[in-house]
């Protein structure tokens, strides 16, 4: 596991559009997530210890904020050839086991991850109603082995501020996690 920080894409960046299959192969498009209040894109994976410790909290966050008209989408961009635990059928196991109510999409080409400048799992991108980047950063301070409780306080604070019509949080800490498992020769320029 290589500890990697998110790239901290500039606030105000317009959300890149995408069309990706979910874990069952059904195509989903950026335009399918047209809730007017916000869009949360989460780059996650099945095998990463940083994501494993958040799975229940991610499911709870999804249930909570989807009720508030926030579209929530998870994307797995890992190389499944070399990391078979991240295959779409294993993604379906994650959905069923942890109760994800949000779509879990598969970015086989890794082009969507590159468009968002995703670097790690988990990596969070919260966009406002105009699909401009409002928050990018960590879920909270919990990390494997640091004995900090998983609360989601940083991301929840950003979501609550967005829903209240407040300015973006001034302090936004980079997310830390496993590096996205790029296919050989496919790592983007911003990585590494």
Foldseek 3Di string as FASTA:
>chain_A
DDKDWAPCPDFQDFQDWDWFAFLVGRIDTPVVLQQQFKEKEWEAFQPWPQVVLCLLVQQVVQVVCVVVRYAYEYEYEAACVVVVCRHSVNVVVSCVVNVRPHTYGYNPVCVSCVVVSGWFPTWMFMAGSSRTTQATAAQDDDDPPPPDDRDSVQVVVQSVCSSVVHHRDPDHHIYITHTGHDDVPGDDPSYD
